[in-house]
N, C-alpha and C. Protein backbone atom coordinates (compact mmCIF):
# COMPACT_ATOMS: atom_id res chain seq x y z
N MET A 1 36.27 70.62 131.08
CA MET A 1 35.75 69.63 132.01
C MET A 1 34.26 69.44 131.70
N TYR A 2 33.82 68.21 131.80
CA TYR A 2 32.43 67.86 131.58
C TYR A 2 31.86 67.15 132.81
N LYS A 3 30.54 67.17 132.90
CA LYS A 3 29.83 66.35 133.87
C LYS A 3 29.01 65.36 133.06
N LEU A 4 29.14 64.08 133.40
CA LEU A 4 28.41 63.01 132.75
C LEU A 4 27.46 62.41 133.78
N ALA A 5 26.20 62.27 133.41
CA ALA A 5 25.21 61.63 134.28
C ALA A 5 24.50 60.56 133.46
N PHE A 6 24.27 59.40 134.07
CA PHE A 6 23.55 58.35 133.37
C PHE A 6 22.72 57.54 134.34
N PHE A 7 21.73 56.85 133.79
CA PHE A 7 20.80 56.04 134.56
C PHE A 7 21.05 54.58 134.20
N VAL A 8 21.10 53.72 135.23
CA VAL A 8 21.45 52.32 135.00
C VAL A 8 20.73 51.44 136.02
N PRO A 9 20.22 50.26 135.61
CA PRO A 9 19.60 49.35 136.57
C PRO A 9 20.60 48.97 137.67
N LEU A 10 20.08 48.77 138.88
CA LEU A 10 20.94 48.47 140.03
C LEU A 10 21.89 47.30 139.77
N ASP A 11 21.39 46.24 139.18
CA ASP A 11 22.21 45.05 138.98
C ASP A 11 23.37 45.26 138.01
N ASP A 12 23.30 46.28 137.17
CA ASP A 12 24.33 46.53 136.17
C ASP A 12 25.21 47.73 136.51
N ALA A 13 24.92 48.40 137.61
CA ALA A 13 25.58 49.67 137.91
C ALA A 13 27.10 49.54 138.07
N GLU A 14 27.57 48.57 138.79
CA GLU A 14 29.02 48.47 139.05
C GLU A 14 29.81 48.20 137.77
N SER A 15 29.30 47.33 136.92
CA SER A 15 30.05 47.03 135.69
C SER A 15 30.04 48.22 134.73
N VAL A 16 28.94 48.95 134.65
CA VAL A 16 28.90 50.13 133.77
C VAL A 16 29.80 51.23 134.33
N LYS A 17 29.74 51.46 135.63
CA LYS A 17 30.62 52.47 136.23
C LYS A 17 32.09 52.11 135.99
N GLU A 18 32.45 50.87 136.17
CA GLU A 18 33.84 50.45 135.98
C GLU A 18 34.29 50.69 134.54
N ALA A 19 33.43 50.40 133.58
CA ALA A 19 33.78 50.64 132.17
C ALA A 19 34.04 52.12 131.92
N VAL A 20 33.21 52.98 132.49
CA VAL A 20 33.39 54.43 132.32
C VAL A 20 34.66 54.89 133.04
N PHE A 21 34.89 54.40 134.25
CA PHE A 21 36.08 54.79 135.01
C PHE A 21 37.37 54.36 134.31
N LYS A 22 37.34 53.24 133.60
CA LYS A 22 38.55 52.76 132.89
C LYS A 22 39.01 53.73 131.81
N THR A 23 38.14 54.62 131.36
CA THR A 23 38.52 55.62 130.36
C THR A 23 39.27 56.79 130.99
N GLY A 24 39.27 56.86 132.32
CA GLY A 24 39.88 57.98 133.03
C GLY A 24 38.86 58.97 133.55
N ALA A 25 37.60 58.77 133.20
CA ALA A 25 36.54 59.62 133.73
C ALA A 25 36.40 59.37 135.23
N GLY A 26 35.90 60.38 135.95
CA GLY A 26 35.69 60.23 137.38
C GLY A 26 36.92 60.51 138.22
N ARG A 27 37.92 61.17 137.64
CA ARG A 27 39.13 61.52 138.40
C ARG A 27 39.03 62.96 138.88
N ILE A 28 39.34 63.16 140.15
CA ILE A 28 39.39 64.49 140.75
C ILE A 28 40.68 64.57 141.55
N GLY A 29 41.64 65.34 141.06
CA GLY A 29 42.93 65.46 141.75
C GLY A 29 43.60 64.10 141.88
N ASP A 30 43.92 63.72 143.10
CA ASP A 30 44.59 62.45 143.37
C ASP A 30 43.61 61.31 143.67
N TYR A 31 42.37 61.44 143.22
CA TYR A 31 41.34 60.42 143.46
C TYR A 31 40.76 59.94 142.14
N GLU A 32 40.43 58.65 142.07
CA GLU A 32 39.79 58.10 140.88
C GLU A 32 38.51 57.41 141.28
N ALA A 33 37.71 57.06 140.28
CA ALA A 33 36.43 56.38 140.48
C ALA A 33 35.49 57.20 141.36
N CYS A 34 35.55 58.52 141.20
CA CYS A 34 34.69 59.43 141.98
C CYS A 34 33.35 59.60 141.27
N CYS A 35 32.28 59.44 142.00
CA CYS A 35 30.96 59.68 141.45
C CYS A 35 29.98 59.90 142.59
N PHE A 36 28.82 60.40 142.24
CA PHE A 36 27.71 60.50 143.17
C PHE A 36 26.58 59.72 142.55
N GLN A 37 25.88 58.96 143.34
CA GLN A 37 24.78 58.17 142.79
C GLN A 37 23.54 58.31 143.66
N THR A 38 22.41 58.36 142.99
CA THR A 38 21.11 58.51 143.63
C THR A 38 20.21 57.38 143.16
N ARG A 39 19.56 56.74 144.10
CA ARG A 39 18.65 55.65 143.77
C ARG A 39 17.28 56.23 143.43
N GLY A 40 16.65 55.67 142.39
CA GLY A 40 15.33 56.14 141.99
C GLY A 40 14.62 55.11 141.13
N HIS A 41 13.50 55.52 140.59
CA HIS A 41 12.69 54.62 139.77
C HIS A 41 12.50 55.22 138.38
N GLY A 42 12.88 54.45 137.38
CA GLY A 42 12.69 54.86 136.00
C GLY A 42 11.53 54.10 135.38
N GLN A 43 11.05 54.61 134.26
CA GLN A 43 10.02 53.89 133.53
C GLN A 43 10.21 54.08 132.04
N PHE A 44 9.71 53.13 131.27
CA PHE A 44 9.77 53.20 129.80
C PHE A 44 8.81 52.18 129.23
N ARG A 45 8.45 52.40 127.96
CA ARG A 45 7.62 51.45 127.23
C ARG A 45 8.33 51.14 125.92
N PRO A 46 8.84 49.93 125.75
CA PRO A 46 9.48 49.57 124.48
C PRO A 46 8.46 49.58 123.34
N LEU A 47 8.86 50.17 122.22
CA LEU A 47 8.00 50.24 121.04
C LEU A 47 8.32 49.11 120.07
N ALA A 48 7.48 48.95 119.08
CA ALA A 48 7.69 47.92 118.05
C ALA A 48 9.08 48.09 117.46
N GLY A 49 9.80 47.00 117.33
CA GLY A 49 11.16 47.02 116.80
C GLY A 49 12.22 47.03 117.88
N ALA A 50 11.83 47.31 119.13
CA ALA A 50 12.78 47.32 120.25
C ALA A 50 13.10 45.89 120.67
N ASP A 51 14.26 45.72 121.25
CA ASP A 51 14.68 44.45 121.83
C ASP A 51 15.07 44.73 123.27
N PRO A 52 14.08 44.91 124.16
CA PRO A 52 14.37 45.38 125.52
C PRO A 52 15.13 44.36 126.37
N HIS A 53 16.07 44.90 127.15
CA HIS A 53 16.80 44.10 128.14
C HIS A 53 15.86 43.70 129.28
N ILE A 54 14.97 44.61 129.62
CA ILE A 54 13.97 44.40 130.68
C ILE A 54 12.61 44.76 130.10
N GLY A 55 11.60 43.98 130.39
CA GLY A 55 10.24 44.30 129.97
C GLY A 55 9.88 43.71 128.62
N GLU A 56 8.67 44.07 128.17
CA GLU A 56 8.11 43.54 126.93
C GLU A 56 7.67 44.69 126.04
N VAL A 57 7.76 44.49 124.73
CA VAL A 57 7.32 45.49 123.76
C VAL A 57 5.85 45.83 124.04
N GLY A 58 5.56 47.12 124.10
CA GLY A 58 4.20 47.60 124.30
C GLY A 58 3.76 47.71 125.74
N GLU A 59 4.55 47.19 126.67
CA GLU A 59 4.18 47.21 128.09
C GLU A 59 5.02 48.24 128.84
N LEU A 60 4.36 49.03 129.68
CA LEU A 60 5.06 50.00 130.51
C LEU A 60 5.85 49.26 131.59
N GLU A 61 7.12 49.57 131.70
CA GLU A 61 8.02 48.90 132.65
C GLU A 61 8.53 49.92 133.67
N HIS A 62 8.61 49.49 134.92
CA HIS A 62 9.18 50.31 136.00
C HIS A 62 10.42 49.60 136.52
N VAL A 63 11.52 50.35 136.67
CA VAL A 63 12.80 49.75 137.04
C VAL A 63 13.46 50.59 138.13
N GLU A 64 13.99 49.91 139.14
CA GLU A 64 14.80 50.60 140.13
C GLU A 64 16.19 50.82 139.54
N GLU A 65 16.63 52.07 139.50
CA GLU A 65 17.88 52.43 138.84
C GLU A 65 18.70 53.36 139.72
N LEU A 66 19.95 53.52 139.33
CA LEU A 66 20.82 54.55 139.91
C LEU A 66 21.04 55.64 138.88
N LYS A 67 21.06 56.88 139.35
CA LYS A 67 21.57 57.98 138.53
C LYS A 67 22.99 58.19 139.01
N VAL A 68 23.94 58.04 138.10
CA VAL A 68 25.36 58.18 138.42
C VAL A 68 25.86 59.47 137.79
N GLU A 69 26.55 60.29 138.59
CA GLU A 69 27.08 61.56 138.10
C GLU A 69 28.58 61.60 138.38
N LEU A 70 29.36 62.07 137.39
CA LEU A 70 30.80 62.15 137.56
C LEU A 70 31.36 63.23 136.65
N VAL A 71 32.59 63.63 136.91
CA VAL A 71 33.26 64.60 136.05
C VAL A 71 34.19 63.88 135.10
N CYS A 72 34.51 64.58 133.99
CA CYS A 72 35.34 63.97 132.96
C CYS A 72 36.13 65.06 132.25
N GLU A 73 37.42 64.83 132.06
CA GLU A 73 38.26 65.78 131.34
C GLU A 73 37.81 65.88 129.87
N ASP A 74 38.06 67.02 129.27
CA ASP A 74 37.63 67.28 127.89
C ASP A 74 38.07 66.17 126.93
N GLY A 75 39.32 65.77 126.99
CA GLY A 75 39.86 64.80 126.05
C GLY A 75 39.37 63.38 126.25
N LEU A 76 38.61 63.13 127.31
CA LEU A 76 38.15 61.78 127.62
C LEU A 76 36.65 61.58 127.44
N ILE A 77 35.90 62.66 127.21
CA ILE A 77 34.44 62.55 127.23
C ILE A 77 33.91 61.64 126.12
N GLN A 78 34.50 61.69 124.94
CA GLN A 78 34.02 60.82 123.85
C GLN A 78 34.22 59.34 124.20
N ALA A 79 35.38 59.02 124.76
CA ALA A 79 35.66 57.63 125.15
C ALA A 79 34.76 57.20 126.30
N ALA A 80 34.49 58.10 127.24
CA ALA A 80 33.62 57.77 128.38
C ALA A 80 32.20 57.46 127.91
N VAL A 81 31.68 58.27 127.00
CA VAL A 81 30.33 58.02 126.47
C VAL A 81 30.30 56.73 125.66
N ALA A 82 31.33 56.49 124.87
CA ALA A 82 31.40 55.24 124.09
C ALA A 82 31.43 54.03 125.00
N ALA A 83 32.22 54.10 126.08
CA ALA A 83 32.30 52.99 127.04
C ALA A 83 30.96 52.79 127.73
N LEU A 84 30.29 53.87 128.08
CA LEU A 84 28.97 53.79 128.71
C LEU A 84 28.00 53.05 127.80
N LYS A 85 27.95 53.46 126.53
CA LYS A 85 27.02 52.83 125.58
C LYS A 85 27.34 51.35 125.37
N LEU A 86 28.62 51.02 125.32
CA LEU A 86 29.02 49.63 125.10
C LEU A 86 28.70 48.74 126.30
N ALA A 87 28.91 49.25 127.51
CA ALA A 87 28.73 48.44 128.72
C ALA A 87 27.29 48.40 129.21
N HIS A 88 26.49 49.38 128.83
CA HIS A 88 25.12 49.50 129.34
C HIS A 88 24.23 48.41 128.75
N PRO A 89 23.35 47.82 129.57
CA PRO A 89 22.49 46.75 129.05
C PRO A 89 21.35 47.23 128.16
N TYR A 90 20.98 48.50 128.24
CA TYR A 90 19.87 49.01 127.43
C TYR A 90 20.32 49.32 126.01
N GLU A 91 19.41 49.14 125.06
CA GLU A 91 19.67 49.52 123.67
C GLU A 91 19.91 51.02 123.56
N GLU A 92 19.16 51.80 124.33
CA GLU A 92 19.22 53.26 124.29
C GLU A 92 19.41 53.79 125.70
N PRO A 93 20.62 53.78 126.23
CA PRO A 93 20.81 54.29 127.59
C PRO A 93 20.54 55.78 127.68
N ALA A 94 19.93 56.20 128.78
CA ALA A 94 19.68 57.62 129.02
C ALA A 94 20.90 58.22 129.71
N PHE A 95 21.42 59.32 129.13
CA PHE A 95 22.56 59.99 129.74
C PHE A 95 22.55 61.46 129.36
N ASP A 96 23.24 62.27 130.15
CA ASP A 96 23.40 63.70 129.90
C ASP A 96 24.87 64.04 129.97
N VAL A 97 25.28 65.00 129.15
CA VAL A 97 26.66 65.53 129.18
C VAL A 97 26.55 67.05 129.24
N TRP A 98 27.19 67.64 130.25
CA TRP A 98 27.22 69.10 130.40
C TRP A 98 28.67 69.57 130.38
N ARG A 99 28.92 70.66 129.68
CA ARG A 99 30.23 71.30 129.73
C ARG A 99 30.26 72.18 130.97
N LEU A 100 31.29 72.05 131.78
CA LEU A 100 31.45 72.83 133.00
C LEU A 100 32.41 73.98 132.76
N GLU A 101 32.18 75.07 133.44
CA GLU A 101 33.07 76.21 133.36
C GLU A 101 33.64 76.52 134.74
N SER A 102 34.87 76.96 134.78
CA SER A 102 35.51 77.34 136.04
C SER A 102 35.35 78.84 136.24
N PRO A 103 35.12 79.26 137.48
CA PRO A 103 35.00 80.70 137.74
C PRO A 103 36.36 81.40 137.62
């Protein structure tokens, strides 16, 4: 089992979550599309060569985003990350993957 967490602009959150959920990620027992989300503020500065979805090259940008956290079965994590990258509006989406252990 893995935990997947990613950051996404508010306006794109539902479509990115849906793409990840379609892989089977976010299932817990008899429930699907399970996640926890926290609203916050991200920042970044696109460098030369970037093609930013939001902001301008060389300028510091502040964006209201959601941090979305969900669980994912071992056999689905590669597909979930691929779906996240494909659906996400950023060139370089920020995400974390942790392997979980059961007691």
